[in-house]
Amino acid sequence: AMGRAIVRSPQVFCMDEPLSNLDAKLRVQTRTQIASLQRRLGVTT
C-alpha cells in the first residue's frame, strides 16, 4: 500500500492509522520503516 502511494510521486502523503491492523512487534518495526522512508523521500506527510 505504501509502494502504491510512492510511485505516484504526490505532493502530500496522507496516512490514516496504517499500522492498526498489525501485531505489536510488527507495528514497532513498521513505524520505524515508515519514518525512515519518509525522511529519505522528503514528501510532506
Full PDB file with SEQRES, HELIX, SHEET, SSBOND, CRYST1, ORIGX, SCALE, CONECT and MASTER records, all heavy atoms in Angstrom:
SEQRES   1 A   45  ALA MET GLY ARG ALA ILE VAL ARG SER PRO GLN VAL PHE          
SEQRES   2 A   45  CYS MET ASP GLU PRO LEU SER ASN LEU ASP ALA LYS LEU          
SEQRES   3 A   45  ARG VAL GLN THR ARG THR GLN ILE ALA SER LEU GLN ARG          
SEQRES   4 A   45  ARG LEU GLY VAL THR THR                                      
HELIX    1 AA1 MET A    2  ILE A    6  1                                   5    
HELIX    2 AA2 ALA A   24  LEU A   41  1                                  18    
CRYST1    1.000    1.000    1.000  90.00  90.00  90.00 P 1           1          
ORIGX1      1.000000  0.000000  0.000000        0.00000                         
ORIGX2      0.000000  1.000000  0.000000        0.00000                         
ORIGX3      0.000000  0.000000  1.000000        0.00000                         
SCALE1      1.000000  0.000000  0.000000        0.00000                         
SCALE2      0.000000  1.000000  0.000000        0.00000                         
SCALE3      0.000000  0.000000  1.000000        0.00000                         
ATOM      1  N   ALA A   1       0.834  -1.206   0.000  1.00  0.00           N  
ATOM      2  CA  ALA A   1       0.000   0.000   0.000  1.00  0.00           C  
ATOM      3  C   ALA A   1       0.867   1.253   0.000  1.00  0.00           C  
ATOM      4  O   ALA A   1       0.559   2.246  -0.671  1.00  0.00           O  
ATOM      5  CB  ALA A   1      -0.931  -0.010   1.215  1.00  0.00           C  
ATOM      6  N   MET A   2       1.977   1.214   0.746  1.00  0.00           N  
ATOM      7  CA  MET A   2       2.925   2.335   0.729  1.00  0.00           C  
ATOM      8  C   MET A   2       3.540   2.508  -0.659  1.00  0.00           C  
ATOM      9  O   MET A   2       3.673   3.626  -1.166  1.00  0.00           O  
ATOM     10  CB  MET A   2       4.028   2.083   1.755  1.00  0.00           C  
ATOM     11  CG  MET A   2       3.615   2.238   3.203  1.00  0.00           C  
ATOM     12  SD  MET A   2       3.418   3.966   3.645  1.00  0.00           S  
ATOM     13  CE  MET A   2       5.071   4.573   3.348  1.00  0.00           C  
ATOM     14  N   GLY A   3       3.904   1.382  -1.282  1.00  0.00           N  
ATOM     15  CA  GLY A   3       4.500   1.441  -2.612  1.00  0.00           C  
ATOM     16  C   GLY A   3       3.569   2.061  -3.630  1.00  0.00           C  
ATOM     17  O   GLY A   3       3.993   2.844  -4.492  1.00  0.00           O  
ATOM     18  N   ARG A   4       2.293   1.724  -3.529  1.00  0.00           N  
ATOM     19  CA  ARG A   4       1.304   2.287  -4.445  1.00  0.00           C  
ATOM     20  C   ARG A   4       1.232   3.807  -4.312  1.00  0.00           C  
ATOM     21  O   ARG A   4       1.027   4.523  -5.300  1.00  0.00           O  
ATOM     22  CB  ARG A   4      -0.060   1.661  -4.160  1.00  0.00           C  
ATOM     23  CG  ARG A   4      -1.134   2.041  -5.153  1.00  0.00           C  
ATOM     24  CD  ARG A   4      -2.406   1.271  -4.877  1.00  0.00           C  
ATOM     25  NE  ARG A   4      -2.795   1.371  -3.483  1.00  0.00           N  
ATOM     26  CZ  ARG A   4      -3.723   0.602  -2.906  1.00  0.00           C  
ATOM     27  NH1 ARG A   4      -4.310  -0.349  -3.602  1.00  0.00           N  
ATOM     28  NH2 ARG A   4      -4.043   0.766  -1.645  1.00  0.00           N  
ATOM     29  N   ALA A   5       1.421   4.307  -3.075  1.00  0.00           N  
ATOM     30  CA  ALA A   5       1.424   5.754  -2.861  1.00  0.00           C  
ATOM     31  C   ALA A   5       2.715   6.387  -3.375  1.00  0.00           C  
ATOM     32  O   ALA A   5       2.711   7.462  -3.978  1.00  0.00           O  
ATOM     33  CB  ALA A   5       1.240   6.056  -1.366  1.00  0.00           C  
ATOM     34  N   ILE A   6       3.840   5.700  -3.153  1.00  0.00           N  
ATOM     35  CA  ILE A   6       5.144   6.259  -3.519  1.00  0.00           C  
ATOM     36  C   ILE A   6       5.287   6.463  -5.028  1.00  0.00           C  
ATOM     37  O   ILE A   6       5.798   7.489  -5.481  1.00  0.00           O  
ATOM     38  CB  ILE A   6       6.274   5.350  -2.988  1.00  0.00           C  
ATOM     39  CG1 ILE A   6       6.351   5.459  -1.468  1.00  0.00           C  
ATOM     40  CG2 ILE A   6       7.611   5.712  -3.616  1.00  0.00           C  
ATOM     41  CD1 ILE A   6       7.251   4.410  -0.836  1.00  0.00           C  
ATOM     42  N   VAL A   7       4.828   5.487  -5.833  1.00  0.00           N  
ATOM     43  CA  VAL A   7       5.040   5.588  -7.284  1.00  0.00           C  
ATOM     44  C   VAL A   7       4.297   6.764  -7.899  1.00  0.00           C  
ATOM     45  O   VAL A   7       4.650   7.218  -8.993  1.00  0.00           O  
ATOM     46  CB  VAL A   7       4.617   4.285  -8.017  1.00  0.00           C  
ATOM     47  CG1 VAL A   7       5.490   3.133  -7.605  1.00  0.00           C  
ATOM     48  CG2 VAL A   7       3.143   3.976  -7.805  1.00  0.00           C  
ATOM     49  N   ARG A   8       3.314   7.282  -7.203  1.00  0.00           N  
ATOM     50  CA  ARG A   8       2.567   8.422  -7.742  1.00  0.00           C  
ATOM     51  C   ARG A   8       3.352   9.723  -7.628  1.00  0.00           C  
ATOM     52  O   ARG A   8       2.979  10.723  -8.244  1.00  0.00           O  
ATOM     53  CB  ARG A   8       1.231   8.552  -7.015  1.00  0.00           C  
ATOM     54  CG  ARG A   8       0.314   7.361  -7.233  1.00  0.00           C  
ATOM     55  CD  ARG A   8      -0.980   7.500  -6.448  1.00  0.00           C  
ATOM     56  NE  ARG A   8      -1.722   8.697  -6.821  1.00  0.00           N  
ATOM     57  CZ  ARG A   8      -2.885   9.034  -6.288  1.00  0.00           C  
ATOM     58  NH1 ARG A   8      -3.446   8.256  -5.368  1.00  0.00           N  
ATOM     59  NH2 ARG A   8      -3.492  10.132  -6.670  1.00  0.00           N  
ATOM     60  N   SER A   9       4.414   9.737  -6.798  1.00  0.00           N  
ATOM     61  CA  SER A   9       5.207  10.959  -6.555  1.00  0.00           C  
ATOM     62  C   SER A   9       4.297  12.141  -6.228  1.00  0.00           C  
ATOM     63  O   SER A   9       4.336  13.192  -6.905  1.00  0.00           O  
ATOM     64  CB  SER A   9       6.077  11.286  -7.778  1.00  0.00           C  
ATOM     65  OG  SER A   9       6.945  10.222  -8.070  1.00  0.00           O  
ATOM     66  N   PRO A  10       3.460  12.003  -5.191  1.00  0.00           N  
ATOM     67  CA  PRO A  10       2.499  13.062  -4.873  1.00  0.00           C  
ATOM     68  C   PRO A  10       3.170  14.227  -4.144  1.00  0.00           C  
ATOM     69  O   PRO A  10       4.310  14.124  -3.693  1.00  0.00           O  
ATOM     70  CB  PRO A  10       1.513  12.346  -3.954  1.00  0.00           C  
ATOM     71  CG  PRO A  10       2.378  11.372  -3.210  1.00  0.00           C  
ATOM     72  CD  PRO A  10       3.406  10.905  -4.213  1.00  0.00           C  
ATOM     73  N   GLN A  11       2.415  15.301  -4.010  1.00  0.00           N  
ATOM     74  CA  GLN A  11       2.882  16.423  -3.191  1.00  0.00           C  
ATOM     75  C   GLN A  11       2.754  16.111  -1.709  1.00  0.00           C  
ATOM     76  O   GLN A  11       3.546  16.607  -0.904  1.00  0.00           O  
ATOM     77  CB  GLN A  11       2.084  17.691  -3.519  1.00  0.00           C  
ATOM     78  CG  GLN A  11       2.409  18.317  -4.856  1.00  0.00           C  
ATOM     79  CD  GLN A  11       1.736  19.664  -5.004  1.00  0.00           C  
ATOM     80  OE1 GLN A  11       0.511  19.778  -4.929  1.00  0.00           O  
ATOM     81  NE2 GLN A  11       2.527  20.704  -5.209  1.00  0.00           N  
ATOM     82  N   VAL A  12       1.729  15.318  -1.348  1.00  0.00           N  
ATOM     83  CA  VAL A  12       1.436  15.049   0.063  1.00  0.00           C  
ATOM     84  C   VAL A  12       1.048  13.583   0.237  1.00  0.00           C  
ATOM     85  O   VAL A  12       0.273  13.044  -0.571  1.00  0.00           O  
ATOM     86  CB  VAL A  12       0.274  15.943   0.583  1.00  0.00           C  
ATOM     87  CG1 VAL A  12       0.014  15.683   2.060  1.00  0.00           C  
ATOM     88  CG2 VAL A  12       0.582  17.425   0.346  1.00  0.00           C  
ATOM     89  N   PHE A  13       1.578  12.942   1.281  1.00  0.00           N  
ATOM     90  CA  PHE A  13       1.112  11.628   1.723  1.00  0.00           C  
ATOM     91  C   PHE A  13       0.116  11.822   2.854  1.00  0.00           C  
ATOM     92  O   PHE A  13       0.368  12.580   3.797  1.00  0.00           O  
ATOM     93  CB  PHE A  13       2.266  10.773   2.260  1.00  0.00           C  
ATOM     94  CG  PHE A  13       3.165  10.182   1.219  1.00  0.00           C  
ATOM     95  CD1 PHE A  13       4.528  10.109   1.436  1.00  0.00           C  
ATOM     96  CD2 PHE A  13       2.660   9.681   0.039  1.00  0.00           C  
ATOM     97  CE1 PHE A  13       5.379   9.556   0.490  1.00  0.00           C  
ATOM     98  CE2 PHE A  13       3.495   9.126  -0.921  1.00  0.00           C  
ATOM     99  CZ  PHE A  13       4.851   9.065  -0.688  1.00  0.00           C  
ATOM    100  N   CYS A  14      -1.009  11.109   2.804  1.00  0.00           N  
ATOM    101  CA  CYS A  14      -1.968  11.059   3.904  1.00  0.00           C  
ATOM    102  C   CYS A  14      -2.049   9.610   4.394  1.00  0.00           C  
ATOM    103  O   CYS A  14      -2.311   8.716   3.589  1.00  0.00           O  
ATOM    104  CB  CYS A  14      -3.353  11.512   3.447  1.00  0.00           C  
ATOM    105  SG  CYS A  14      -3.431  13.248   2.958  1.00  0.00           S  
ATOM    106  N   MET A  15      -1.835   9.392   5.672  1.00  0.00           N  
ATOM    107  CA  MET A  15      -1.834   8.035   6.217  1.00  0.00           C  
ATOM    108  C   MET A  15      -2.813   7.967   7.382  1.00  0.00           C  
ATOM    109  O   MET A  15      -2.632   8.665   8.396  1.00  0.00           O  
ATOM    110  CB  MET A  15      -0.430   7.638   6.684  1.00  0.00           C  
ATOM    111  CG  MET A  15       0.606   7.702   5.584  1.00  0.00           C  
ATOM    112  SD  MET A  15       2.192   7.022   6.090  1.00  0.00           S  
ATOM    113  CE  MET A  15       3.188   7.434   4.639  1.00  0.00           C  
ATOM    114  N   ASP A  16      -3.835   7.131   7.225  1.00  0.00           N  
ATOM    115  CA  ASP A  16      -4.900   7.028   8.232  1.00  0.00           C  
ATOM    116  C   ASP A  16      -4.756   5.722   9.021  1.00  0.00           C  
ATOM    117  O   ASP A  16      -5.221   4.678   8.582  1.00  0.00           O  
ATOM    118  CB  ASP A  16      -6.259   7.099   7.546  1.00  0.00           C  
ATOM    119  CG  ASP A  16      -7.401   7.273   8.546  1.00  0.00           C  
ATOM    120  OD1 ASP A  16      -7.123   7.400   9.754  1.00  0.00           O  
ATOM    121  OD2 ASP A  16      -8.570   7.289   8.116  1.00  0.00           O  
ATOM    122  N   GLU A  17      -4.095   5.794  10.161  1.00  0.00           N  
ATOM    123  CA  GLU A  17      -3.872   4.645  11.057  1.00  0.00           C  
ATOM    124  C   GLU A  17      -3.396   3.412  10.282  1.00  0.00           C  
ATOM    125  O   GLU A  17      -3.995   2.340  10.385  1.00  0.00           O  
ATOM    126  CB  GLU A  17      -5.134   4.337  11.860  1.00  0.00           C  
ATOM    127  CG  GLU A  17      -5.606   5.527  12.684  1.00  0.00           C  
ATOM    128  CD  GLU A  17      -6.430   5.135  13.892  1.00  0.00           C  
ATOM    129  OE1 GLU A  17      -6.098   4.140  14.549  1.00  0.00           O  
ATOM    130  OE2 GLU A  17      -7.409   5.845  14.195  1.00  0.00           O  
ATOM    131  N   PRO A  18      -2.321   3.520   9.513  1.00  0.00           N  
ATOM    132  CA  PRO A  18      -1.921   2.402   8.646  1.00  0.00           C  
ATOM    133  C   PRO A  18      -1.377   1.194   9.394  1.00  0.00           C  
ATOM    134  O   PRO A  18      -1.246   0.127   8.799  1.00  0.00           O  
ATOM    135  CB  PRO A  18      -0.835   3.028   7.766  1.00  0.00           C  
ATOM    136  CG  PRO A  18      -0.260   4.129   8.595  1.00  0.00           C  
ATOM    137  CD  PRO A  18      -1.424   4.683   9.365  1.00  0.00           C  
ATOM    138  N   LEU A  19      -1.061   1.336  10.681  1.00  0.00           N  
ATOM    139  CA  LEU A  19      -0.455   0.223  11.413  1.00  0.00           C  
ATOM    140  C   LEU A  19      -1.416  -0.462  12.379  1.00  0.00           C  
ATOM    141  O   LEU A  19      -1.021  -1.399  13.075  1.00  0.00           O  
ATOM    142  CB  LEU A  19       0.768   0.720  12.208  1.00  0.00           C  
ATOM    143  CG  LEU A  19       1.831   1.489  11.421  1.00  0.00           C  
ATOM    144  CD1 LEU A  19       3.005   1.836  12.320  1.00  0.00           C  
ATOM    145  CD2 LEU A  19       2.293   0.697  10.217  1.00  0.00           C  
ATOM    146  N   SER A  20      -2.659  -0.034  12.431  1.00  0.00           N  
ATOM    147  CA  SER A  20      -3.564  -0.523  13.475  1.00  0.00           C  
ATOM    148  C   SER A  20      -3.925  -1.997  13.313  1.00  0.00           C  
ATOM    149  O   SER A  20      -4.354  -2.635  14.278  1.00  0.00           O  
ATOM    150  CB  SER A  20      -4.846   0.320  13.499  1.00  0.00           C  
ATOM    151  OG  SER A  20      -5.496   0.266  12.248  1.00  0.00           O  
ATOM    152  N   ASN A  21      -3.735  -2.561  12.115  1.00  0.00           N  
ATOM    153  CA  ASN A  21      -4.066  -3.982  11.914  1.00  0.00           C  
ATOM    154  C   ASN A  21      -2.874  -4.914  12.144  1.00  0.00           C  
ATOM    155  O   ASN A  21      -2.998  -6.125  11.962  1.00  0.00           O  
ATOM    156  CB  ASN A  21      -4.594  -4.207  10.484  1.00  0.00           C  
ATOM    157  CG  ASN A  21      -5.990  -3.626  10.297  1.00  0.00           C  
ATOM    158  OD1 ASN A  21      -6.733  -3.467  11.263  1.00  0.00           O  
ATOM    159  ND2 ASN A  21      -6.339  -3.306   9.068  1.00  0.00           N  
ATOM    160  N   LEU A  22      -1.734  -4.358  12.548  1.00  0.00           N  
ATOM    161  CA  LEU A  22      -0.540  -5.170  12.743  1.00  0.00           C  
ATOM    162  C   LEU A  22      -0.366  -5.529  14.217  1.00  0.00           C  
ATOM    163  O   LEU A  22      -0.839  -4.805  15.103  1.00  0.00           O  
ATOM    164  CB  LEU A  22       0.701  -4.418  12.253  1.00  0.00           C  
ATOM    165  CG  LEU A  22       0.670  -3.914  10.807  1.00  0.00           C  
ATOM    166  CD1 LEU A  22       1.974  -3.215  10.474  1.00  0.00           C  
ATOM    167  CD2 LEU A  22       0.401  -5.050   9.833  1.00  0.00           C  
ATOM    168  N   ASP A  23       0.333  -6.647  14.478  1.00  0.00           N  
ATOM    169  CA  ASP A  23       0.600  -7.001  15.876  1.00  0.00           C  
ATOM    170  C   ASP A  23       1.651  -6.054  16.444  1.00  0.00           C  
ATOM    171  O   ASP A  23       2.312  -5.305  15.731  1.00  0.00           O  
ATOM    172  CB  ASP A  23       1.048  -8.456  15.998  1.00  0.00           C  
ATOM    173  CG  ASP A  23       2.350  -8.747  15.261  1.00  0.00           C  
ATOM    174  OD1 ASP A  23       3.367  -8.103  15.576  1.00  0.00           O  
ATOM    175  OD2 ASP A  23       2.354  -9.619  14.368  1.00  0.00           O  
ATOM    176  N   ALA A  24       1.809  -6.098  17.789  1.00  0.00           N  
ATOM    177  CA  ALA A  24       2.615  -5.096  18.484  1.00  0.00           C  
ATOM    178  C   ALA A  24       4.058  -5.054  17.989  1.00  0.00           C  
ATOM    179  O   ALA A  24       4.614  -3.975  17.742  1.00  0.00           O  
ATOM    180  CB  ALA A  24       2.582  -5.364  19.992  1.00  0.00           C  
ATOM    181  N   LYS A  25       4.695  -6.211  17.818  1.00  0.00           N  
ATOM    182  CA  LYS A  25       6.093  -6.239  17.397  1.00  0.00           C  
ATOM    183  C   LYS A  25       6.255  -5.689  15.990  1.00  0.00           C  
ATOM    184  O   LYS A  25       7.175  -4.910  15.708  1.00  0.00           O  
ATOM    185  CB  LYS A  25       6.630  -7.676  17.474  1.00  0.00           C  
ATOM    186  CG  LYS A  25       8.104  -7.791  17.111  1.00  0.00           C  
ATOM    187  CD  LYS A  25       8.596  -9.223  17.258  1.00  0.00           C  
ATOM    188  CE  LYS A  25      10.069  -9.344  16.901  1.00  0.00           C  
ATOM    189  NZ  LYS A  25      10.570 -10.737  17.031  1.00  0.00           N  
ATOM    190  N   LEU A  26       5.342  -6.066  15.097  1.00  0.00           N  
ATOM    191  CA  LEU A  26       5.419  -5.606  13.711  1.00  0.00           C  
ATOM    192  C   LEU A  26       5.125  -4.118  13.607  1.00  0.00           C  
ATOM    193  O   LEU A  26       5.671  -3.420  12.748  1.00  0.00           O  
ATOM    194  CB  LEU A  26       4.454  -6.414  12.847  1.00  0.00           C  
ATOM    195  CG  LEU A  26       4.637  -6.320  11.330  1.00  0.00           C  
ATOM    196  CD1 LEU A  26       6.065  -6.676  10.937  1.00  0.00           C  
ATOM    197  CD2 LEU A  26       3.657  -7.246  10.628  1.00  0.00           C  
ATOM    198  N   ARG A  27       4.271  -3.612  14.490  1.00  0.00           N  
ATOM    199  CA  ARG A  27       3.979  -2.180  14.484  1.00  0.00           C  
ATOM    200  C   ARG A  27       5.236  -1.376  14.774  1.00  0.00           C  
ATOM    201  O   ARG A  27       5.509  -0.362  14.129  1.00  0.00           O  
ATOM    202  CB  ARG A  27       2.912  -1.848  15.524  1.00  0.00           C  
ATOM    203  CG  ARG A  27       1.517  -2.239  15.120  1.00  0.00           C  
ATOM    204  CD  ARG A  27       0.502  -1.837  16.155  1.00  0.00           C  
ATOM    205  NE  ARG A  27       0.312  -0.399  16.173  1.00  0.00           N  
ATOM    206  CZ  ARG A  27      -0.752   0.195  16.704  1.00  0.00           C  
ATOM    207  NH1 ARG A  27      -1.701  -0.534  17.257  1.00  0.00           N  
ATOM    208  NH2 ARG A  27      -0.864   1.489  16.689  1.00  0.00           N  
ATOM    209  N   VAL A  28       6.010  -1.810  15.771  1.00  0.00           N  
ATOM    210  CA  VAL A  28       7.239  -1.099  16.119  1.00  0.00           C  
ATOM    211  C   VAL A  28       8.206  -1.107  14.940  1.00  0.00           C  
ATOM    212  O   VAL A  28       8.800  -0.077  14.585  1.00  0.00           O  
ATOM    213  CB  VAL A  28       7.891  -1.734  17.359  1.00  0.00           C  
ATOM    214  CG1 VAL A  28       9.252  -1.104  17.625  1.00  0.00           C  
ATOM    215  CG2 VAL A  28       6.990  -1.571  18.582  1.00  0.00           C  
ATOM    216  N   GLN A  29       8.349  -2.258  14.307  1.00  0.00           N  
ATOM    217  CA  GLN A  29       9.265  -2.386  13.170  1.00  0.00           C  
ATOM    218  C   GLN A  29       8.801  -1.528  11.994  1.00  0.00           C  
ATOM    219  O   GLN A  29       9.599  -0.813  11.372  1.00  0.00           O  
ATOM    220  CB  GLN A  29       9.348  -3.857  12.756  1.00  0.00           C  
ATOM    221  CG  GLN A  29      10.198  -4.108  11.522  1.00  0.00           C  
ATOM    222  CD  GLN A  29      10.141  -5.575  11.086  1.00  0.00           C  
ATOM    223  OE1 GLN A  29       9.795  -6.447  11.868  1.00  0.00           O  
ATOM    224  NE2 GLN A  29      10.471  -5.819   9.839  1.00  0.00           N  
ATOM    225  N   THR A  30       7.497  -1.590  11.693  1.00  0.00           N  
ATOM    226  CA  THR A  30       6.985  -0.895  10.510  1.00  0.00           C  
ATOM    227  C   THR A  30       6.966   0.608  10.707  1.00  0.00           C  
ATOM    228  O   THR A  30       7.209   1.373   9.764  1.00  0.00           O  
ATOM    229  CB  THR A  30       5.579  -1.408  10.155  1.00  0.00           C  
ATOM    230  OG1 THR A  30       5.594  -2.835  10.074  1.00  0.00           O  
ATOM    231  CG2 THR A  30       5.106  -0.845   8.832  1.00  0.00           C  
ATOM    232  N   ARG A  31       6.671   1.082  11.917  1.00  0.00           N  
ATOM    233  CA  ARG A  31       6.655   2.534  12.127  1.00  0.00           C  
ATOM    234  C   ARG A  31       8.056   3.117  11.941  1.00  0.00           C  
ATOM    235  O   ARG A  31       8.205   4.227  11.431  1.00  0.00           O  
ATOM    236  CB  ARG A  31       6.077   2.876  13.493  1.00  0.00           C  
ATOM    237  CG  ARG A  31       6.982   2.703  14.681  1.00  0.00           C  
ATOM    238  CD  ARG A  31       6.220   2.901  15.981  1.00  0.00           C  
ATOM    239  NE  ARG A  31       7.084   2.836  17.141  1.00  0.00           N  
ATOM    240  CZ  ARG A  31       6.665   2.531  18.361  1.00  0.00           C  
ATOM    241  NH1 ARG A  31       5.383   2.242  18.571  1.00  0.00           N  
ATOM    242  NH2 ARG A  31       7.488   2.502  19.372  1.00  0.00           N  
ATOM    243  N   THR A  32       9.081   2.360  12.318  1.00  0.00           N  
ATOM    244  CA  THR A  32      10.454   2.814  12.087  1.00  0.00           C  
ATOM    245  C   THR A  32      10.743   2.891  10.593  1.00  0.00           C  
ATOM    246  O   THR A  32      11.363   3.851  10.113  1.00  0.00           O  
ATOM    247  CB  THR A  32      11.453   1.856  12.763  1.00  0.00           C  
ATOM    248  OG1 THR A  32      11.149   1.778  14.159  1.00  0.00           O  
ATOM    249  CG2 THR A  32      12.873   2.322  12.585  1.00  0.00           C  
ATOM    250  N   GLN A  33      10.267   1.896   9.841  1.00  0.00           N  
ATOM    251  CA  GLN A  33      10.485   1.888   8.396  1.00  0.00           C  
ATOM    252  C   GLN A  33       9.772   3.061   7.725  1.00  0.00           C  
ATOM    253  O   GLN A  33      10.327   3.703   6.828  1.00  0.00           O  
ATOM    254  CB  GLN A  33       9.992   0.560   7.810  1.00  0.00           C  
ATOM    255  CG  GLN A  33      10.821  -0.654   8.236  1.00  0.00           C  
ATOM    256  CD  GLN A  33      10.188  -1.955   7.791  1.00  0.00           C  
ATOM    257  OE1 GLN A  33       8.993  -2.027   7.507  1.00  0.00           O  
ATOM    258  NE2 GLN A  33      11.003  -3.010   7.717  1.00  0.00           N  
ATOM    259  N   ILE A  34       8.532   3.344   8.151  1.00  0.00           N  
ATOM    260  CA  ILE A  34       7.772   4.439   7.544  1.00  0.00           C  
ATOM    261  C   ILE A  34       8.451   5.776   7.822  1.00  0.00           C  
ATOM    262  O   ILE A  34       8.613   6.607   6.923  1.00  0.00           O  
ATOM    263  CB  ILE A  34       6.321   4.446   8.065  1.00  0.00           C  
ATOM    264  CG1 ILE A  34       5.557   3.250   7.498  1.00  0.00           C  
ATOM    265  CG2 ILE A  34       5.616   5.746   7.692  1.00  0.00           C  
ATOM    266  CD1 ILE A  34       4.136   3.122   8.026  1.00  0.00           C  
ATOM    267  N   ALA A  35       8.865   5.996   9.073  1.00  0.00           N  
ATOM    268  CA  ALA A  35       9.515   7.260   9.421  1.00  0.00           C  
ATOM    269  C   ALA A  35      10.819   7.434   8.648  1.00  0.00           C  
ATOM    270  O   ALA A  35      11.125   8.521   8.134  1.00  0.00           O  
ATOM    271  CB  ALA A  35       9.772   7.317  10.923  1.00  0.00           C  
ATOM    272  N   SER A  36      11.600   6.358   8.542  1.00  0.00           N  
ATOM    273  CA  SER A  36      12.861   6.426   7.807  1.00  0.00           C  
ATOM    274  C   SER A  36      12.625   6.686   6.317  1.00  0.00           C  
ATOM    275  O   SER A  36      13.312   7.500   5.695  1.00  0.00           O  
ATOM    276  CB  SER A  36      13.634   5.117   8.004  1.00  0.00           C  
ATOM    277  OG  SER A  36      14.802   5.089   7.218  1.00  0.00           O  
ATOM    278  N   LEU A  37      11.624   6.010   5.751  1.00  0.00           N  
ATOM    279  CA  LEU A  37      11.313   6.172   4.337  1.00  0.00           C  
ATOM    280  C   LEU A  37      10.856   7.593   4.035  1.00  0.00           C  
ATOM    281  O   LEU A  37      11.262   8.199   3.035  1.00  0.00           O  
ATOM    282  CB  LEU A  37      10.240   5.160   3.939  1.00  0.00           C  
ATOM    283  CG  LEU A  37       9.778   5.183   2.489  1.00  0.00           C  
ATOM    284  CD1 LEU A  37      10.928   4.800   1.563  1.00  0.00           C  
ATOM    285  CD2 LEU A  37       8.600   4.231   2.288  1.00  0.00           C  
ATOM    286  N   GLN A  38      10.012   8.143   4.908  1.00  0.00           N  
ATOM    287  CA  GLN A  38       9.515   9.497   4.680  1.00  0.00           C  
ATOM    288  C   GLN A  38      10.652  10.503   4.678  1.00  0.00           C  
ATOM    289  O   GLN A  38      10.676  11.435   3.861  1.00  0.00           O  
ATOM    290  CB  GLN A  38       8.486   9.858   5.763  1.00  0.00           C  
ATOM    291  CG  GLN A  38       7.734  11.160   5.515  1.00  0.00           C  
ATOM    292  CD  GLN A  38       8.473  12.397   5.997  1.00  0.00           C  
ATOM    293  OE1 GLN A  38       9.340  12.312   6.858  1.00  0.00           O  
ATOM    294  NE2 GLN A  38       8.134  13.550   5.434  1.00  0.00           N  
ATOM    295  N   ARG A  39      11.615  10.319   5.548  1.00  0.00           N  
ATOM    296  CA  ARG A  39      12.733  11.250   5.613  1.00  0.00           C  
ATOM    297  C   ARG A  39      13.625  11.137   4.378  1.00  0.00           C  
ATOM    298  O   ARG A  39      14.203  12.112   3.919  1.00  0.00           O  
ATOM    299  CB  ARG A  39      13.513  11.054   6.907  1.00  0.00           C  
ATOM    300  CG  ARG A  39      12.778  11.679   8.106  1.00  0.00           C  
ATOM    301  CD  ARG A  39      13.183  11.106   9.451  1.00  0.00           C  
ATOM    302  NE  ARG A  39      12.479  11.740  10.549  1.00  0.00           N  
ATOM    303  CZ  ARG A  39      11.225  11.466  10.913  1.00  0.00           C  
ATOM    304  NH1 ARG A  39      10.527  10.576  10.243  1.00  0.00           N  
ATOM    305  NH2 ARG A  39      10.659  12.087  11.926  1.00  0.00           N  
ATOM    306  N   ARG A  40      13.731   9.922   3.817  1.00  0.00           N  
ATOM    307  CA  ARG A  40      14.502   9.750   2.588  1.00  0.00           C  
ATOM    308  C   ARG A  40      13.794  10.388   1.392  1.00  0.00           C  
ATOM    309  O   ARG A  40      14.415  11.011   0.542  1.00  0.00           O  
ATOM    310  CB  ARG A  40      14.736   8.260   2.318  1.00  0.00           C  
ATOM    311  CG  ARG A  40      15.953   7.674   3.045  1.00  0.00           C  
ATOM    312  CD  ARG A  40      16.246   6.274   2.561  1.00  0.00           C  
ATOM    313  NE  ARG A  40      15.304   5.309   3.097  1.00  0.00           N  
ATOM    314  CZ  ARG A  40      15.094   4.099   2.594  1.00  0.00           C  
ATOM    315  NH1 ARG A  40      15.727   3.716   1.511  1.00  0.00           N  
ATOM    316  NH2 ARG A  40      14.233   3.278   3.162  1.00  0.00           N  
ATOM    317  N   LEU A  41      12.463  10.223   1.342  1.00  0.00           N  
ATOM    318  CA  LEU A  41      11.701  10.765   0.214  1.00  0.00           C  
ATOM    319  C   LEU A  41      11.486  12.264   0.340  1.00  0.00           C  
ATOM    320  O   LEU A  41      11.379  12.967  -0.673  1.00  0.00           O  
ATOM    321  CB  LEU A  41      10.349  10.054   0.123  1.00  0.00           C  
ATOM    322  CG  LEU A  41      10.380   8.551  -0.194  1.00  0.00           C  
ATOM    323  CD1 LEU A  41       8.979   7.963  -0.082  1.00  0.00           C  
ATOM    324  CD2 LEU A  41      10.961   8.303  -1.582  1.00  0.00           C  
ATOM    325  N   GLY A  42      11.378  12.753   1.580  1.00  0.00           N  
ATOM    326  CA  GLY A  42      11.187  14.183   1.799  1.00  0.00           C  
ATOM    327  C   GLY A  42       9.822  14.695   1.389  1.00  0.00           C  
ATOM    328  O   GLY A  42       9.663  15.888   1.111  1.00  0.00           O  
ATOM    329  N   VAL A  43       8.804  13.823   1.358  1.00  0.00           N  
ATOM    330  CA  VAL A  43       7.452  14.228   0.959  1.00  0.00           C  
ATOM    331  C   VAL A  43       6.660  14.653   2.196  1.00  0.00           C  
ATOM    332  O   VAL A  43       6.688  13.971   3.227  1.00  0.00           O  
ATOM    333  CB  VAL A  43       6.715  13.078   0.245  1.00  0.00           C  
ATOM    334  CG1 VAL A  43       5.292  13.500  -0.125  1.00  0.00           C  
ATOM    335  CG2 VAL A  43       7.486  12.659  -0.998  1.00  0.00           C  
ATOM    336  N   THR A  44       5.986  15.776   2.105  1.00  0.00           N  
ATOM    337  CA  THR A  44       5.130  16.240   3.194  1.00  0.00           C  
ATOM    338  C   THR A  44       4.135  15.140   3.555  1.00  0.00           C  
ATOM    339  O   THR A  44       3.432  14.616   2.681  1.00  0.00           O  
ATOM    340  CB  THR A  44       4.369  17.509   2.762  1.00  0.00           C  
ATOM    341  OG1 THR A  44       5.308  18.481   2.296  1.00  0.00           O  
ATOM    342  CG2 THR A  44       3.563  18.076   3.910  1.00  0.00           C  
ATOM    343  N   THR A  45       4.066  14.785   4.834  1.00  0.00           N  
ATOM    344  CA  THR A  45       3.246  13.652   5.265  1.00  0.00           C  
ATOM    345  C   THR A  45       2.414  14.028   6.480  1.00  0.00           C  
ATOM    346  O   THR A  45       2.930  14.605   7.445  1.00  0.00           O  
ATOM    347  CB  THR A  45       4.132  12.439   5.609  1.00  0.00           C  
ATOM    348  OG1 THR A  45       4.888  12.063   4.456  1.00  0.00           O  
ATOM    349  CG2 THR A  45       3.300  11.251   6.081  1.00  0.00           C  
TER     350      THR A  45                                                      
MASTER        0    0    0    2    0    0    0    6  349    1    0    4          
END                                                                             
